């Protein structure tokens, strides 16, 4: 384990680590909002059932076409929104696809709030001389607007989102890519996250220390204590993180 005084970079997960969020992307009500948006822009699906059937087929085709590794690969969801338009004879551009993605995401989202003290904690870590980095399994089309909505876009010095890279946590390739781009020694990186597999196991496999938060957004049946984490906390305990980093 690296001496906690020597971390030069702190990688943060987003959802469930900094941002408390709940979504329902399976409900017919959510899909009906997307169906209406598509229809308003010329792509008319008879009902939610037709749209879901098409979506599942298009997603499977996309996954199979690029030799997808479900656990570690990531695709850009913009391609599926463009396919949804094209299936009904409508040629869409990046802007329209992005708008469709945001409409669906907004419809699916039940709530979204920063955990108490998020911004203050990030600024203290930054003021300690360390670089704070976002490393998120997410889709740029809706994640960037959500980061902006809660004001985190101005806090990070670097942002890495899996849909732009093609790999996601727990793949060591995603961690390696970020470290290489930043020019930092992985022994001097601390990963902070709430997912025992993606954030803690993934960081370990990449040779990076990890700090574990068990939050309400952590996957079901996540352990209270992760044996490979430098510290495990119940909830997004920023005070404990700052204490570990020896920041007053």
Foldseek 3Di string as FASTA:
>chain_A
DFQLQQAQEEEEEDDQQFKDWAFDLPDQQLQQQLQVLLVVVPQHDPGSVRLVVLLVVVVVVVCVVVVHDVVWFAAACLVSLQVSNVVRPHGDDSVSSLVSVQSSRVSGIPDMDTDPCSQVLLVLCVVSNHAYEYAYADHPSHPVVVCVVHPNVVRHPYYDYRNVPGTAFLALVSVVVVCVVVVHDQSNYEYEDAECGRGQVSSVVNVHAYEYEPGPPYDPPDDQDRPRHPYGYDGNPSVVVCVSSVGD
